[in-house]
Amino acid sequence: MPNSDHEKNREAWNEMVEVHWDHPAQKREEFLDGRCSLKPMELEAFGDVNGKSLLHLMCQFGLDTLSWARRGAVVTGIDISDQSIKRADELKQLAGLEGRFLRSDVLDAIGLVDDKFDNVIQTYGTQCWISDMEQWAQVVAHYLKPGGQFFMVDDHPITCLWEEPPNSYLHKEPIRYSGEPDYCDREHIIETERVEFQHPLSEIVNALINAGLTIEHLGEYDKGYYPIQADWYEKDRYWYPPGGPPMYPLMFSLKARKPE
């Protein structure tokens, strides 16, 4: 049975992706002119991907997925949103790039394709939409080839302490909300209920270990991947509050490998 909370998020993302598709912050036209949407962390993590297979979990409409394709990777993108997959297929046609895009809840993705991948990636604003870390980690491990690498970068879970109102770092109950602005277009109010899940760093790391993966690197960073407030400034493809880097991490990254 579909996860009811994930289905609410699917409906919300079907609306949100249409807001994002034409929004200047996505730089879609620049991408079509050759801009790479990838940031330094993921480029450094994977290095040369030419000829390698890559699975992008929770890919939205495929800007990053197709940026990997432009670097020579053989790409597959998965997303829960019907509209995301529709727009991803449209984007690959506009860009003249190859890629396979499939609609699925990330927790239900095992069996969606028979392939195993050299690289699996998940980036930026994804982990909060996943209800079950153990099941998620099994999906990651399932799709990696022996010796294959997983890389993720996302909001650091400690940032929940600075939200309004603050949430517990160890909070286990889903956080439900509606009638709040979209993070990309703050003039657009998303009325559909969204459901987020708080996962402390230990839960994410241990889920991957329990799935049989070897953790190779864990990083924490005093910069963000988008302007949380309008007065944040950009430097080297990342974002900082007006006072400069904060005294706590805004993002984390994790690299893991499936044993040979």
Protein backbone atom coordinates (compact mmCIF):
# COMPACT_ATOMS: atom_id res chain seq x y z
CA MET A 1 0.00 0.00 0.00
CA PRO A 2 1.27 3.51 -0.75
CA ASN A 3 2.55 5.42 2.25
CA SER A 4 -0.23 7.94 2.99
CA ASP A 5 2.15 10.66 4.19
CA HIS A 6 4.37 10.22 1.14
CA GLU A 7 1.28 10.45 -1.06
CA LYS A 8 0.43 13.82 0.48
CA ASN A 9 3.93 14.96 -0.39
CA ARG A 10 3.52 13.62 -3.92
CA GLU A 11 0.47 15.83 -4.38
CA ALA A 12 2.33 18.83 -2.95
CA TRP A 13 5.33 18.24 -5.20
CA ASN A 14 3.10 17.94 -8.25
CA GLU A 15 2.14 21.53 -7.51
CA MET A 16 5.60 22.70 -6.45
CA VAL A 17 7.44 21.41 -9.51
CA GLU A 18 5.24 23.55 -11.75
CA VAL A 19 6.21 26.57 -9.67
CA HIS A 20 9.90 25.62 -9.92
CA TRP A 21 9.87 24.77 -13.64
CA ASP A 22 9.74 28.40 -14.78
CA HIS A 23 11.32 30.04 -11.73
CA PRO A 24 14.52 32.01 -12.44
CA ALA A 25 16.27 30.43 -9.44
CA GLN A 26 16.28 27.08 -11.23
CA LYS A 27 18.25 28.59 -14.14
CA ARG A 28 16.60 26.21 -16.60
CA GLU A 29 17.31 28.37 -19.63
CA GLU A 30 20.94 28.70 -18.59
CA PHE A 31 21.09 24.90 -18.28
CA LEU A 32 19.80 24.56 -21.83
CA ASP A 33 22.58 26.93 -22.89
CA GLY A 34 25.16 24.59 -21.33
CA ARG A 35 25.29 25.56 -17.63
CA CYS A 36 26.10 22.72 -15.21
CA SER A 37 23.67 22.73 -12.27
CA LEU A 38 25.93 20.56 -10.10
CA LYS A 39 27.73 22.04 -7.10
CA PRO A 40 31.38 21.44 -6.12
CA MET A 41 30.69 18.80 -3.44
CA GLU A 42 29.04 16.23 -5.68
CA LEU A 43 31.44 16.91 -8.54
CA GLU A 44 34.38 16.23 -6.23
CA ALA A 45 32.73 13.16 -4.70
CA PHE A 46 32.26 11.29 -7.98
CA GLY A 47 34.99 12.73 -10.15
CA ASP A 48 35.02 11.39 -13.71
CA VAL A 49 31.67 9.73 -14.44
CA ASN A 50 32.13 9.27 -18.18
CA GLY A 51 30.65 5.91 -19.19
CA LYS A 52 29.51 5.09 -15.64
CA SER A 53 25.92 4.32 -14.65
CA LEU A 54 24.30 6.69 -12.18
CA LEU A 55 21.00 6.49 -10.31
CA HIS A 56 19.62 9.79 -8.99
CA LEU A 57 17.09 9.29 -6.21
CA MET A 58 14.45 12.00 -5.72
CA CYS A 59 15.60 13.81 -8.85
CA GLN A 60 12.77 16.37 -9.22
CA PHE A 61 12.66 17.44 -12.89
CA GLY A 62 16.15 16.25 -13.67
CA LEU A 63 18.39 19.32 -13.90
CA ASP A 64 21.14 17.65 -11.89
CA THR A 65 20.47 14.23 -13.41
CA LEU A 66 20.93 15.59 -16.90
CA SER A 67 23.99 17.58 -15.83
CA TRP A 68 25.54 14.19 -14.99
CA ALA A 69 24.44 12.94 -18.41
CA ARG A 70 26.17 15.91 -20.00
CA ARG A 71 29.36 14.76 -18.24
CA GLY A 72 29.05 11.33 -19.84
CA ALA A 73 27.16 9.33 -17.22
CA VAL A 74 24.39 6.88 -18.18
CA VAL A 75 21.63 8.26 -15.97
CA THR A 76 18.39 7.10 -14.40
CA GLY A 77 16.29 9.44 -12.26
CA ILE A 78 13.52 8.45 -9.86
CA ASP A 79 11.00 10.78 -8.24
CA ILE A 80 7.65 10.38 -6.50
CA SER A 81 6.06 13.30 -8.36
CA ASP A 82 4.21 12.60 -11.60
CA GLN A 83 4.80 16.17 -12.77
CA SER A 84 8.51 15.95 -11.97
CA ILE A 85 8.91 12.95 -14.25
CA LYS A 86 6.82 14.57 -16.98
CA ARG A 87 8.97 17.71 -16.84
CA ALA A 88 12.21 15.67 -16.68
CA ASP A 89 11.28 13.91 -19.91
CA GLU A 90 10.49 17.29 -21.45
CA LEU A 91 13.80 18.75 -20.26
CA LYS A 92 15.88 15.92 -21.72
CA GLN A 93 14.18 16.46 -25.08
CA LEU A 94 14.83 20.20 -24.95
CA ALA A 95 18.46 19.60 -23.99
CA GLY A 96 19.03 16.79 -26.48
CA LEU A 97 20.36 14.50 -23.74
CA GLU A 98 19.81 10.84 -22.92
CA GLY A 99 18.27 9.79 -19.62
CA ARG A 100 15.65 7.49 -18.15
CA PHE A 101 13.11 8.93 -15.71
CA LEU A 102 10.76 6.79 -13.63
CA ARG A 103 8.03 7.66 -11.15
CA SER A 104 8.25 5.92 -7.81
CA ASP A 105 8.23 6.55 -4.09
CA VAL A 106 11.87 6.06 -3.11
CA LEU A 107 10.81 3.50 -0.50
CA ASP A 108 9.10 1.40 -3.19
CA ALA A 109 11.89 1.60 -5.75
CA ILE A 110 13.34 -1.92 -5.38
CA GLY A 111 12.30 -3.88 -8.48
CA LEU A 112 11.53 -0.77 -10.51
CA VAL A 113 14.53 -1.56 -12.73
CA ASP A 114 16.81 -4.60 -12.90
CA ASP A 115 20.01 -2.57 -13.22
CA LYS A 116 22.74 -2.05 -10.64
CA PHE A 117 24.68 1.22 -10.69
CA ASP A 118 28.24 2.43 -10.32
CA ASN A 119 27.00 5.52 -8.50
CA VAL A 120 23.84 6.37 -6.56
CA ILE A 121 23.24 9.97 -5.54
CA GLN A 122 20.68 11.93 -3.53
CA THR A 123 21.08 15.66 -2.99
CA TYR A 124 19.60 18.80 -1.45
CA GLY A 125 16.28 18.89 0.35
CA THR A 126 15.36 15.21 0.16
CA GLN A 127 15.89 13.44 3.46
CA CYS A 128 13.09 15.29 5.26
CA TRP A 129 10.52 13.70 2.91
CA ILE A 130 11.46 10.09 3.77
CA SER A 131 9.65 8.38 6.65
CA ASP A 132 11.78 5.24 7.10
CA MET A 133 15.58 5.40 7.08
CA GLU A 134 16.11 1.63 7.30
CA GLN A 135 13.92 0.96 4.28
CA TRP A 136 15.52 3.84 2.39
CA ALA A 137 19.03 2.50 3.04
CA GLN A 138 18.01 -0.91 1.73
CA VAL A 139 17.01 0.75 -1.55
CA VAL A 140 20.39 2.51 -1.78
CA ALA A 141 22.29 -0.72 -1.11
CA HIS A 142 20.12 -2.74 -3.49
CA TYR A 143 20.93 -0.55 -6.47
CA LEU A 144 24.68 -0.26 -5.95
CA LYS A 145 27.04 -2.58 -7.79
CA PRO A 146 29.70 -4.24 -5.62
CA GLY A 147 32.29 -1.52 -5.19
CA GLY A 148 29.72 1.12 -6.16
CA GLN A 149 29.55 4.46 -4.38
CA PHE A 150 26.67 6.34 -2.75
CA PHE A 151 26.88 10.07 -2.12
CA MET A 152 24.40 12.38 -0.48
CA VAL A 153 24.42 16.01 0.61
CA ASP A 154 21.52 17.67 2.40
CA ASP A 155 20.35 19.99 5.15
CA HIS A 156 22.05 19.20 8.44
CA PRO A 157 19.34 17.85 10.78
CA ILE A 158 20.53 20.12 13.59
CA THR A 159 19.06 23.14 11.77
CA CYS A 160 15.63 22.12 13.12
CA LEU A 161 16.66 23.76 16.40
CA TRP A 162 16.70 27.18 14.72
CA GLU A 163 13.34 26.87 12.98
CA GLU A 164 10.28 28.85 14.09
CA PRO A 165 9.03 27.21 16.18
CA PRO A 166 12.07 24.99 16.94
CA ASN A 167 11.75 21.22 16.72
CA SER A 168 13.54 18.55 18.71
CA TYR A 169 16.68 17.17 17.07
CA LEU A 170 15.54 13.69 18.15
CA HIS A 171 11.90 14.28 17.19
CA LYS A 172 10.19 11.17 15.81
CA GLU A 173 6.65 12.31 15.03
CA PRO A 174 5.92 13.57 11.50
CA ILE A 175 5.70 17.34 11.17
CA ARG A 176 2.56 18.34 9.26
CA TYR A 177 1.93 21.76 7.80
CA SER A 178 0.07 23.56 5.01
CA GLY A 179 -0.58 27.07 3.79
CA GLU A 180 3.11 27.99 3.76
CA PRO A 181 5.15 29.56 0.95
CA ASP A 182 7.15 27.54 -1.52
CA TYR A 183 10.88 27.76 -0.76
CA CYS A 184 11.68 28.80 -4.33
CA ASP A 185 8.85 31.28 -4.92
CA ARG A 186 7.89 32.78 -1.57
CA GLU A 187 4.91 34.54 -3.14
CA HIS A 188 3.32 31.17 -3.94
CA ILE A 189 1.46 29.52 -1.05
CA ILE A 190 1.28 25.70 -1.08
CA GLU A 191 -2.09 24.81 0.43
CA THR A 192 -1.65 21.04 0.11
CA GLU A 193 -0.55 19.43 3.38
CA ARG A 194 3.11 18.47 3.48
CA VAL A 195 4.67 15.98 5.88
CA GLU A 196 8.31 16.14 6.95
CA PHE A 197 10.37 13.75 9.04
CA GLN A 198 13.25 14.57 11.36
CA HIS A 199 16.23 12.17 11.21
CA PRO A 200 19.26 12.76 13.43
CA LEU A 201 22.58 12.15 11.74
CA SER A 202 23.13 8.93 13.69
CA GLU A 203 19.92 7.43 12.28
CA ILE A 204 20.99 8.13 8.69
CA VAL A 205 24.52 6.78 9.19
CA ASN A 206 23.43 3.66 11.08
CA ALA A 207 20.75 2.82 8.52
CA LEU A 208 23.39 2.73 5.78
CA ILE A 209 25.72 0.64 7.96
CA ASN A 210 22.86 -1.78 8.71
CA ALA A 211 22.26 -2.08 4.96
CA GLY A 212 25.80 -3.35 4.56
CA LEU A 213 27.51 -0.21 3.27
CA THR A 214 30.88 1.12 4.41
CA ILE A 215 30.92 4.78 5.41
CA GLU A 216 33.95 6.44 3.82
CA HIS A 217 33.39 10.09 4.66
CA LEU A 218 31.09 12.33 6.70
CA GLY A 219 31.29 16.09 6.27
CA GLU A 220 29.60 19.07 7.96
CA TYR A 221 29.50 22.58 6.47
CA ASP A 222 28.68 26.13 7.59
CA LYS A 223 26.95 27.00 4.30
CA GLY A 224 23.64 26.24 2.65
CA TYR A 225 22.49 25.23 -0.80
CA TYR A 226 19.78 27.89 -1.24
CA PRO A 227 18.92 31.29 0.30
CA ILE A 228 16.83 30.45 3.35
CA GLN A 229 16.06 34.16 3.72
CA ALA A 230 16.01 36.88 1.06
CA ASP A 231 19.09 38.59 2.54
CA TRP A 232 21.39 35.55 2.22
CA TYR A 233 24.32 35.94 -0.18
CA GLU A 234 25.89 33.50 -2.65
CA LYS A 235 29.56 32.55 -2.86
CA ASP A 236 31.07 29.67 -4.86
CA ARG A 237 27.60 28.16 -5.57
CA TYR A 238 26.61 28.04 -1.87
CA TRP A 239 24.66 30.43 0.37
CA TYR A 240 25.42 32.23 3.64
CA PRO A 241 23.40 34.36 6.08
CA PRO A 242 24.16 38.11 6.08
CA GLY A 243 26.49 37.82 9.08
CA GLY A 244 28.65 35.23 7.34
CA PRO A 245 29.10 31.53 8.15
CA PRO A 246 27.14 30.53 11.28
CA MET A 247 28.53 28.72 14.33
CA TYR A 248 26.63 25.53 13.52
CA PRO A 249 26.43 23.34 10.39
CA LEU A 250 23.86 24.02 7.70
CA MET A 251 24.65 20.98 5.53
CA PHE A 252 26.20 17.55 5.79
CA SER A 253 27.54 15.16 3.19
CA LEU A 254 28.08 11.42 3.33
CA LYS A 255 29.97 9.02 1.10
CA ALA A 256 29.46 5.25 1.39
CA ARG A 257 30.52 2.24 -0.64
CA LYS A 258 29.15 -1.25 -1.19
CA PRO A 259 31.84 -3.84 -0.45
CA GLU A 260 33.26 -5.78 -3.38
